[in-house]
Amino acid sequence: MIRDDWAIENSLHWVMDMVFRDAECRVRTENAPANFTTLKHMANNLIRKAPRKDSQRLKRMTAAWDDEFLATLVAA
């Protein structure tokens, strides 16, 4: 049971903190935190399913720089 809890921690929370810098997020008013978290989770799912072998952080940066790669992420 403890290992299952750590698996969740390593697979989602750590990724959100390292890739999206979730701990440094300053969005704190009204519905903004929930909305922003939903968008980050959607982006994480799209990046994770990308067929490239790069890290998730590098895929995120590539999507920001390359419109064609971003289009393939959204279309997938």
PDB file of N, CA and C in Angstrom:
ATOM      1  N   MET A   1       0.811  -1.181   0.000  1.00  0.00           N
ATOM      2  CA  MET A   1       0.000   0.000   0.000  1.00  0.00           C
ATOM      3  C   MET A   1       0.871   1.270   0.000  1.00  0.00           C
ATOM      4  N   ILE A   2       1.941   1.258   0.760  1.00  0.00           N
ATOM      5  CA  ILE A   2       2.831   2.415   0.805  1.00  0.00           C
ATOM      6  C   ILE A   2       3.522   2.600  -0.540  1.00  0.00           C
ATOM      7  N   ARG A   3       3.921   1.510  -1.161  1.00  0.00           N
ATOM      8  CA  ARG A   3       4.570   1.612  -2.482  1.00  0.00           C
ATOM      9  C   ARG A   3       3.615   2.153  -3.526  1.00  0.00           C
ATOM     10  N   ASP A   4       2.348   1.791  -3.442  1.00  0.00           N
ATOM     11  CA  ASP A   4       1.353   2.333  -4.369  1.00  0.00           C
ATOM     12  C   ASP A   4       1.232   3.845  -4.201  1.00  0.00           C
ATOM     13  N   ASP A   5       1.257   4.306  -2.969  1.00  0.00           N
ATOM     14  CA  ASP A   5       1.179   5.740  -2.719  1.00  0.00           C
ATOM     15  C   ASP A   5       2.389   6.453  -3.307  1.00  0.00           C
ATOM     16  N   TRP A   6       3.576   5.879  -3.145  1.00  0.00           N
ATOM     17  CA  TRP A   6       4.779   6.497  -3.709  1.00  0.00           C
ATOM     18  C   TRP A   6       4.769   6.443  -5.227  1.00  0.00           C
ATOM     19  N   ALA A   7       4.154   5.422  -5.807  1.00  0.00           N
ATOM     20  CA  ALA A   7       4.063   5.347  -7.268  1.00  0.00           C
ATOM     21  C   ALA A   7       3.240   6.508  -7.808  1.00  0.00           C
ATOM     22  N   ILE A   8       2.161   6.845  -7.112  1.00  0.00           N
ATOM     23  CA  ILE A   8       1.351   7.998  -7.511  1.00  0.00           C
ATOM     24  C   ILE A   8       2.167   9.271  -7.360  1.00  0.00           C
ATOM     25  N   GLU A   9       2.868   9.393  -6.253  1.00  0.00           N
ATOM     26  CA  GLU A   9       3.698  10.577  -6.014  1.00  0.00           C
ATOM     27  C   GLU A   9       4.736  10.742  -7.118  1.00  0.00           C
ATOM     28  N   ASN A  10       5.402   9.658  -7.467  1.00  0.00           N
ATOM     29  CA  ASN A  10       6.451   9.744  -8.479  1.00  0.00           C
ATOM     30  C   ASN A  10       5.897   9.953  -9.876  1.00  0.00           C
ATOM     31  N   SER A  11       4.751   9.384 -10.179  1.00  0.00           N
ATOM     32  CA  SER A  11       4.248   9.453 -11.545  1.00  0.00           C
ATOM     33  C   SER A  11       3.517  10.753 -11.857  1.00  0.00           C
ATOM     34  N   LEU A  12       2.923  11.399 -10.894  1.00  0.00           N
ATOM     35  CA  LEU A  12       2.154  12.604 -11.196  1.00  0.00           C
ATOM     36  C   LEU A  12       2.685  13.837 -10.480  1.00  0.00           C
ATOM     37  N   HIS A  13       2.748  13.811  -9.169  1.00  0.00           N
ATOM     38  CA  HIS A  13       3.113  15.012  -8.427  1.00  0.00           C
ATOM     39  C   HIS A  13       4.533  15.464  -8.743  1.00  0.00           C
ATOM     40  N   TRP A  14       5.456  14.529  -8.799  1.00  0.00           N
ATOM     41  CA  TRP A  14       6.835  14.890  -9.099  1.00  0.00           C
ATOM     42  C   TRP A  14       6.948  15.460 -10.493  1.00  0.00           C
ATOM     43  N   VAL A  15       6.262  14.845 -11.461  1.00  0.00           N
ATOM     44  CA  VAL A  15       6.290  15.332 -12.839  1.00  0.00           C
ATOM     45  C   VAL A  15       5.690  16.729 -12.920  1.00  0.00           C
ATOM     46  N   MET A  16       4.567  16.952 -12.248  1.00  0.00           N
ATOM     47  CA  MET A  16       3.941  18.274 -12.287  1.00  0.00           C
ATOM     48  C   MET A  16       4.860  19.328 -11.674  1.00  0.00           C
ATOM     49  N   ASP A  17       5.592  18.958 -10.637  1.00  0.00           N
ATOM     50  CA  ASP A  17       6.476  19.921 -10.004  1.00  0.00           C
ATOM     51  C   ASP A  17       7.721  20.178 -10.841  1.00  0.00           C
ATOM     52  N   MET A  18       8.275  19.158 -11.453  1.00  0.00           N
ATOM     53  CA  MET A  18       9.504  19.329 -12.217  1.00  0.00           C
ATOM     54  C   MET A  18       9.258  19.910 -13.616  1.00  0.00           C
ATOM     55  N   VAL A  19       8.232  19.449 -14.298  1.00  0.00           N
ATOM     56  CA  VAL A  19       7.983  19.896 -15.671  1.00  0.00           C
ATOM     57  C   VAL A  19       7.259  21.238 -15.692  1.00  0.00           C
ATOM     58  N   PHE A  20       6.251  21.381 -14.855  1.00  0.00           N
ATOM     59  CA  PHE A  20       5.426  22.591 -14.874  1.00  0.00           C
ATOM     60  C   PHE A  20       5.733  23.542 -13.719  1.00  0.00           C
ATOM     61  N   ARG A  21       6.710  23.203 -12.855  1.00  0.00           N
ATOM     62  CA  ARG A  21       7.084  24.027 -11.711  1.00  0.00           C
ATOM     63  C   ARG A  21       5.853  24.359 -10.869  1.00  0.00           C
ATOM     64  N   ASP A  22       5.089  23.339 -10.542  1.00  0.00           N
ATOM     65  CA  ASP A  22       3.807  23.493  -9.855  1.00  0.00           C
ATOM     66  C   ASP A  22       3.953  24.154  -8.484  1.00  0.00           C
ATOM     67  N   ALA A  23       5.033  23.883  -7.778  1.00  0.00           N
ATOM     68  CA  ALA A  23       5.221  24.454  -6.445  1.00  0.00           C
ATOM     69  C   ALA A  23       5.456  25.958  -6.499  1.00  0.00           C
ATOM     70  N   GLU A  24       5.926  26.463  -7.630  1.00  0.00           N
ATOM     71  CA  GLU A  24       6.212  27.891  -7.766  1.00  0.00           C
ATOM     72  C   GLU A  24       5.037  28.684  -8.332  1.00  0.00           C
ATOM     73  N   CYS A  25       3.929  28.027  -8.593  1.00  0.00           N
ATOM     74  CA  CYS A  25       2.775  28.675  -9.196  1.00  0.00           C
ATOM     75  C   CYS A  25       2.155  29.675  -8.220  1.00  0.00           C
ATOM     76  N   ARG A  26       1.861  30.882  -8.699  1.00  0.00           N
ATOM     77  CA  ARG A  26       1.311  31.942  -7.859  1.00  0.00           C
ATOM     78  C   ARG A  26      -0.180  32.181  -8.097  1.00  0.00           C
ATOM     79  N   VAL A  27      -0.843  31.271  -8.802  1.00  0.00           N
ATOM     80  CA  VAL A  27      -2.274  31.424  -9.075  1.00  0.00           C
ATOM     81  C   VAL A  27      -3.033  30.976  -7.836  1.00  0.00           C
ATOM     82  N   ARG A  28      -3.727  31.936  -7.178  1.00  0.00           N
ATOM     83  CA  ARG A  28      -4.352  31.605  -5.899  1.00  0.00           C
ATOM     84  C   ARG A  28      -5.741  32.195  -5.680  1.00  0.00           C
ATOM     85  N   THR A  29      -6.331  32.864  -6.625  1.00  0.00           N
ATOM     86  CA  THR A  29      -7.610  33.526  -6.357  1.00  0.00           C
ATOM     87  C   THR A  29      -8.758  32.868  -7.101  1.00  0.00           C
ATOM     88  N   GLU A  30      -9.901  32.803  -6.452  1.00  0.00           N
ATOM     89  CA  GLU A  30     -11.168  32.309  -6.983  1.00  0.00           C
ATOM     90  C   GLU A  30     -11.019  30.945  -7.650  1.00  0.00           C
ATOM     91  N   ASN A  31     -11.487  30.796  -8.886  1.00  0.00           N
ATOM     92  CA  ASN A  31     -11.456  29.501  -9.582  1.00  0.00           C
ATOM     93  C   ASN A  31     -10.173  29.287 -10.378  1.00  0.00           C
ATOM     94  N   ALA A  32      -9.293  30.244 -10.382  1.00  0.00           N
ATOM     95  CA  ALA A  32      -8.076  30.157 -11.190  1.00  0.00           C
ATOM     96  C   ALA A  32      -7.203  28.944 -10.858  1.00  0.00           C
ATOM     97  N   PRO A  33      -6.972  28.592  -9.588  1.00  0.00           N
ATOM     98  CA  PRO A  33      -6.123  27.421  -9.321  1.00  0.00           C
ATOM     99  C   PRO A  33      -6.690  26.129  -9.908  1.00  0.00           C
ATOM    100  N   ALA A  34      -7.981  25.911  -9.787  1.00  0.00           N
ATOM    101  CA  ALA A  34      -8.590  24.693 -10.332  1.00  0.00           C
ATOM    102  C   ALA A  34      -8.529  24.691 -11.850  1.00  0.00           C
ATOM    103  N   ASN A  35      -8.806  25.831 -12.465  1.00  0.00           N
ATOM    104  CA  ASN A  35      -8.757  25.918 -13.930  1.00  0.00           C
ATOM    105  C   ASN A  35      -7.345  25.715 -14.444  1.00  0.00           C
ATOM    106  N   PHE A  36      -6.384  26.342 -13.797  1.00  0.00           N
ATOM    107  CA  PHE A  36      -4.987  26.237 -14.225  1.00  0.00           C
ATOM    108  C   PHE A  36      -4.479  24.810 -14.052  1.00  0.00           C
ATOM    109  N   THR A  37      -4.858  24.152 -12.960  1.00  0.00           N
ATOM    110  CA  THR A  37      -4.458  22.766 -12.728  1.00  0.00           C
ATOM    111  C   THR A  37      -5.043  21.842 -13.791  1.00  0.00           C
ATOM    112  N   THR A  38      -6.291  22.075 -14.169  1.00  0.00           N
ATOM    113  CA  THR A  38      -6.910  21.264 -15.225  1.00  0.00           C
ATOM    114  C   THR A  38      -6.165  21.413 -16.538  1.00  0.00           C
ATOM    115  N   LEU A  39      -5.796  22.629 -16.886  1.00  0.00           N
ATOM    116  CA  LEU A  39      -5.036  22.852 -18.125  1.00  0.00           C
ATOM    117  C   LEU A  39      -3.663  22.189 -18.072  1.00  0.00           C
ATOM    118  N   LYS A  40      -3.012  22.257 -16.918  1.00  0.00           N
ATOM    119  CA  LYS A  40      -1.695  21.618 -16.787  1.00  0.00           C
ATOM    120  C   LYS A  40      -1.804  20.102 -16.892  1.00  0.00           C
ATOM    121  N   HIS A  41      -2.854  19.520 -16.340  1.00  0.00           N
ATOM    122  CA  HIS A  41      -3.047  18.070 -16.440  1.00  0.00           C
ATOM    123  C   HIS A  41      -3.325  17.665 -17.893  1.00  0.00           C
ATOM    124  N   MET A  42      -4.108  18.463 -18.590  1.00  0.00           N
ATOM    125  CA  MET A  42      -4.374  18.168 -20.006  1.00  0.00           C
ATOM    126  C   MET A  42      -3.075  18.258 -20.813  1.00  0.00           C
ATOM    127  N   ALA A  43      -2.280  19.284 -20.561  1.00  0.00           N
ATOM    128  CA  ALA A  43      -1.002  19.428 -21.263  1.00  0.00           C
ATOM    129  C   ALA A  43      -0.068  18.277 -20.933  1.00  0.00           C
ATOM    130  N   ASN A  44      -0.046  17.854 -19.675  1.00  0.00           N
ATOM    131  CA  ASN A  44       0.800  16.732 -19.272  1.00  0.00           C
ATOM    132  C   ASN A  44       0.398  15.454 -20.010  1.00  0.00           C
ATOM    133  N   ASN A  45      -0.899  15.205 -20.135  1.00  0.00           N
ATOM    134  CA  ASN A  45      -1.367  14.017 -20.851  1.00  0.00           C
ATOM    135  C   ASN A  45      -0.973  14.061 -22.317  1.00  0.00           C
ATOM    136  N   LEU A  46      -1.091  15.223 -22.957  1.00  0.00           N
ATOM    137  CA  LEU A  46      -0.703  15.344 -24.360  1.00  0.00           C
ATOM    138  C   LEU A  46       0.802  15.143 -24.540  1.00  0.00           C
ATOM    139  N   ILE A  47       1.588  15.738 -23.669  1.00  0.00           N
ATOM    140  CA  ILE A  47       3.043  15.616 -23.766  1.00  0.00           C
ATOM    141  C   ILE A  47       3.478  14.180 -23.513  1.00  0.00           C
ATOM    142  N   ARG A  48       2.850  13.529 -22.546  1.00  0.00           N
ATOM    143  CA  ARG A  48       3.225  12.156 -22.206  1.00  0.00           C
ATOM    144  C   ARG A  48       2.952  11.192 -23.360  1.00  0.00           C
ATOM    145  N   LYS A  49       1.900  11.448 -24.134  1.00  0.00           N
ATOM    146  CA  LYS A  49       1.541  10.557 -25.231  1.00  0.00           C
ATOM    147  C   LYS A  49       2.307  10.834 -26.522  1.00  0.00           C
ATOM    148  N   ALA A  50       3.115  11.875 -26.544  1.00  0.00           N
ATOM    149  CA  ALA A  50       3.891  12.195 -27.742  1.00  0.00           C
ATOM    150  C   ALA A  50       4.871  11.057 -28.040  1.00  0.00           C
ATOM    151  N   PRO A  51       5.014  10.698 -29.305  1.00  0.00           N
ATOM    152  CA  PRO A  51       5.832   9.532 -29.657  1.00  0.00           C
ATOM    153  C   PRO A  51       7.339   9.753 -29.583  1.00  0.00           C
ATOM    154  N   ARG A  52       7.792  10.914 -29.230  1.00  0.00           N
ATOM    155  CA  ARG A  52       9.228  11.180 -29.178  1.00  0.00           C
ATOM    156  C   ARG A  52       9.847  10.598 -27.917  1.00  0.00           C
ATOM    157  N   LYS A  53      11.151  10.394 -27.948  1.00  0.00           N
ATOM    158  CA  LYS A  53      11.861   9.815 -26.813  1.00  0.00           C
ATOM    159  C   LYS A  53      12.488  10.877 -25.912  1.00  0.00           C
ATOM    160  N   ASP A  54      12.189  12.157 -26.160  1.00  0.00           N
ATOM    161  CA  ASP A  54      12.739  13.235 -25.347  1.00  0.00           C
ATOM    162  C   ASP A  54      12.079  13.255 -23.970  1.00  0.00           C
ATOM    163  N   SER A  55      12.669  13.997 -23.060  1.00  0.00           N
ATOM    164  CA  SER A  55      12.062  14.161 -21.734  1.00  0.00           C
ATOM    165  C   SER A  55      10.793  14.996 -21.857  1.00  0.00           C
ATOM    166  N   GLN A  56       9.963  14.928 -20.843  1.00  0.00           N
ATOM    167  CA  GLN A  56       8.720  15.691 -20.881  1.00  0.00           C
ATOM    168  C   GLN A  56       9.008  17.193 -20.879  1.00  0.00           C
ATOM    169  N   ARG A  57      10.021  17.607 -20.155  1.00  0.00           N
ATOM    170  CA  ARG A  57      10.371  19.023 -20.138  1.00  0.00           C
ATOM    171  C   ARG A  57      10.817  19.486 -21.517  1.00  0.00           C
ATOM    172  N   LEU A  58      11.611  18.673 -22.204  1.00  0.00           N
ATOM    173  CA  LEU A  58      12.069  19.038 -23.544  1.00  0.00           C
ATOM    174  C   LEU A  58      10.913  19.029 -24.545  1.00  0.00           C
ATOM    175  N   LYS A  59       9.997  18.080 -24.408  1.00  0.00           N
ATOM    176  CA  LYS A  59       8.811  18.067 -25.274  1.00  0.00           C
ATOM    177  C   LYS A  59       7.979  19.325 -25.072  1.00  0.00           C
ATOM    178  N   ARG A  60       7.842  19.763 -23.816  1.00  0.00           N
ATOM    179  CA  ARG A  60       7.076  20.977 -23.522  1.00  0.00           C
ATOM    180  C   ARG A  60       7.738  22.201 -24.153  1.00  0.00           C
ATOM    181  N   MET A  61       9.049  22.300 -24.042  1.00  0.00           N
ATOM    182  CA  MET A  61       9.760  23.430 -24.633  1.00  0.00           C
ATOM    183  C   MET A  61       9.694  23.382 -26.160  1.00  0.00           C
ATOM    184  N   THR A  62       9.787  22.188 -26.731  1.00  0.00           N
ATOM    185  CA  THR A  62       9.691  22.046 -28.181  1.00  0.00           C
ATOM    186  C   THR A  62       8.309  22.456 -28.669  1.00  0.00           C
ATOM    187  N   ALA A  63       7.283  22.093 -27.925  1.00  0.00           N
ATOM    188  CA  ALA A  63       5.921  22.491 -28.296  1.00  0.00           C
ATOM    189  C   ALA A  63       5.764  24.008 -28.244  1.00  0.00           C
ATOM    190  N   ALA A  64       6.456  24.659 -27.331  1.00  0.00           N
ATOM    191  CA  ALA A  64       6.391  26.122 -27.241  1.00  0.00           C
ATOM    192  C   ALA A  64       7.104  26.782 -28.409  1.00  0.00           C
ATOM    193  N   TRP A  65       8.161  26.152 -28.912  1.00  0.00           N
ATOM    194  CA  TRP A  65       8.967  26.749 -29.975  1.00  0.00           C
ATOM    195  C   TRP A  65       8.528  26.340 -31.372  1.00  0.00           C
ATOM    196  N   ASP A  66       8.012  25.124 -31.519  1.00  0.00           N
ATOM    197  CA  ASP A  66       7.730  24.558 -32.843  1.00  0.00           C
ATOM    198  C   ASP A  66       6.220  24.381 -33.018  1.00  0.00           C
ATOM    199  N   ASP A  67       5.642  25.182 -33.904  1.00  0.00           N
ATOM    200  CA  ASP A  67       4.194  25.125 -34.113  1.00  0.00           C
ATOM    201  C   ASP A  67       3.746  23.792 -34.708  1.00  0.00           C
ATOM    202  N   GLU A  68       4.580  23.171 -35.550  1.00  0.00           N
ATOM    203  CA  GLU A  68       4.212  21.886 -36.145  1.00  0.00           C
ATOM    204  C   GLU A  68       4.150  20.783 -35.075  1.00  0.00           C
ATOM    205  N   PHE A  69       5.114  20.778 -34.174  1.00  0.00           N
ATOM    206  CA  PHE A  69       5.092  19.794 -33.092  1.00  0.00           C
ATOM    207  C   PHE A  69       3.879  20.025 -32.190  1.00  0.00           C
ATOM    208  N   LEU A  70       3.580  21.271 -31.912  1.00  0.00           N
ATOM    209  CA  LEU A  70       2.394  21.592 -31.091  1.00  0.00           C
ATOM    210  C   LEU A  70       1.123  21.103 -31.786  1.00  0.00           C
ATOM    211  N   ALA A  71       1.046  21.286 -33.090  1.00  0.00           N
ATOM    212  CA  ALA A  71      -0.123  20.821 -33.821  1.00  0.00           C
ATOM    213  C   ALA A  71      -0.249  19.299 -33.770  1.00  0.00           C
ATOM    214  N   THR A  72       0.870  18.580 -33.833  1.00  0.00           N
ATOM    215  CA  THR A  72       0.809  17.119 -33.739  1.00  0.00           C
ATOM    216  C   THR A  72       0.383  16.675 -32.355  1.00  0.00           C
ATOM    217  N   LEU A  73       0.784  17.415 -31.314  1.00  0.00           N
ATOM    218  CA  LEU A  73       0.353  17.082 -29.952  1.00  0.00           C
ATOM    219  C   LEU A  73      -1.146  17.246 -29.795  1.00  0.00           C
ATOM    220  N   VAL A  74      -1.673  18.360 -30.289  1.00  0.00           N
ATOM    221  CA  VAL A  74      -3.092  18.656 -30.125  1.00  0.00           C
ATOM    222  C   VAL A  74      -3.942  17.732 -30.996  1.00  0.00           C
ATOM    223  N   ALA A  75      -3.446  17.375 -32.170  1.00  0.00           N
ATOM    224  CA  ALA A  75      -4.216  16.532 -33.097  1.00  0.00           C
ATOM    225  C   ALA A  75      -4.237  15.068 -32.674  1.00  0.00           C
ATOM    226  N   ALA A  76      -3.270  14.660 -31.858  1.00  0.00           N
ATOM    227  CA  ALA A  76      -3.170  13.238 -31.481  1.00  0.00           C
ATOM    228  C   ALA A  76      -4.231  12.800 -30.543  1.00  0.00           C
TER     229      ALA A  76
END
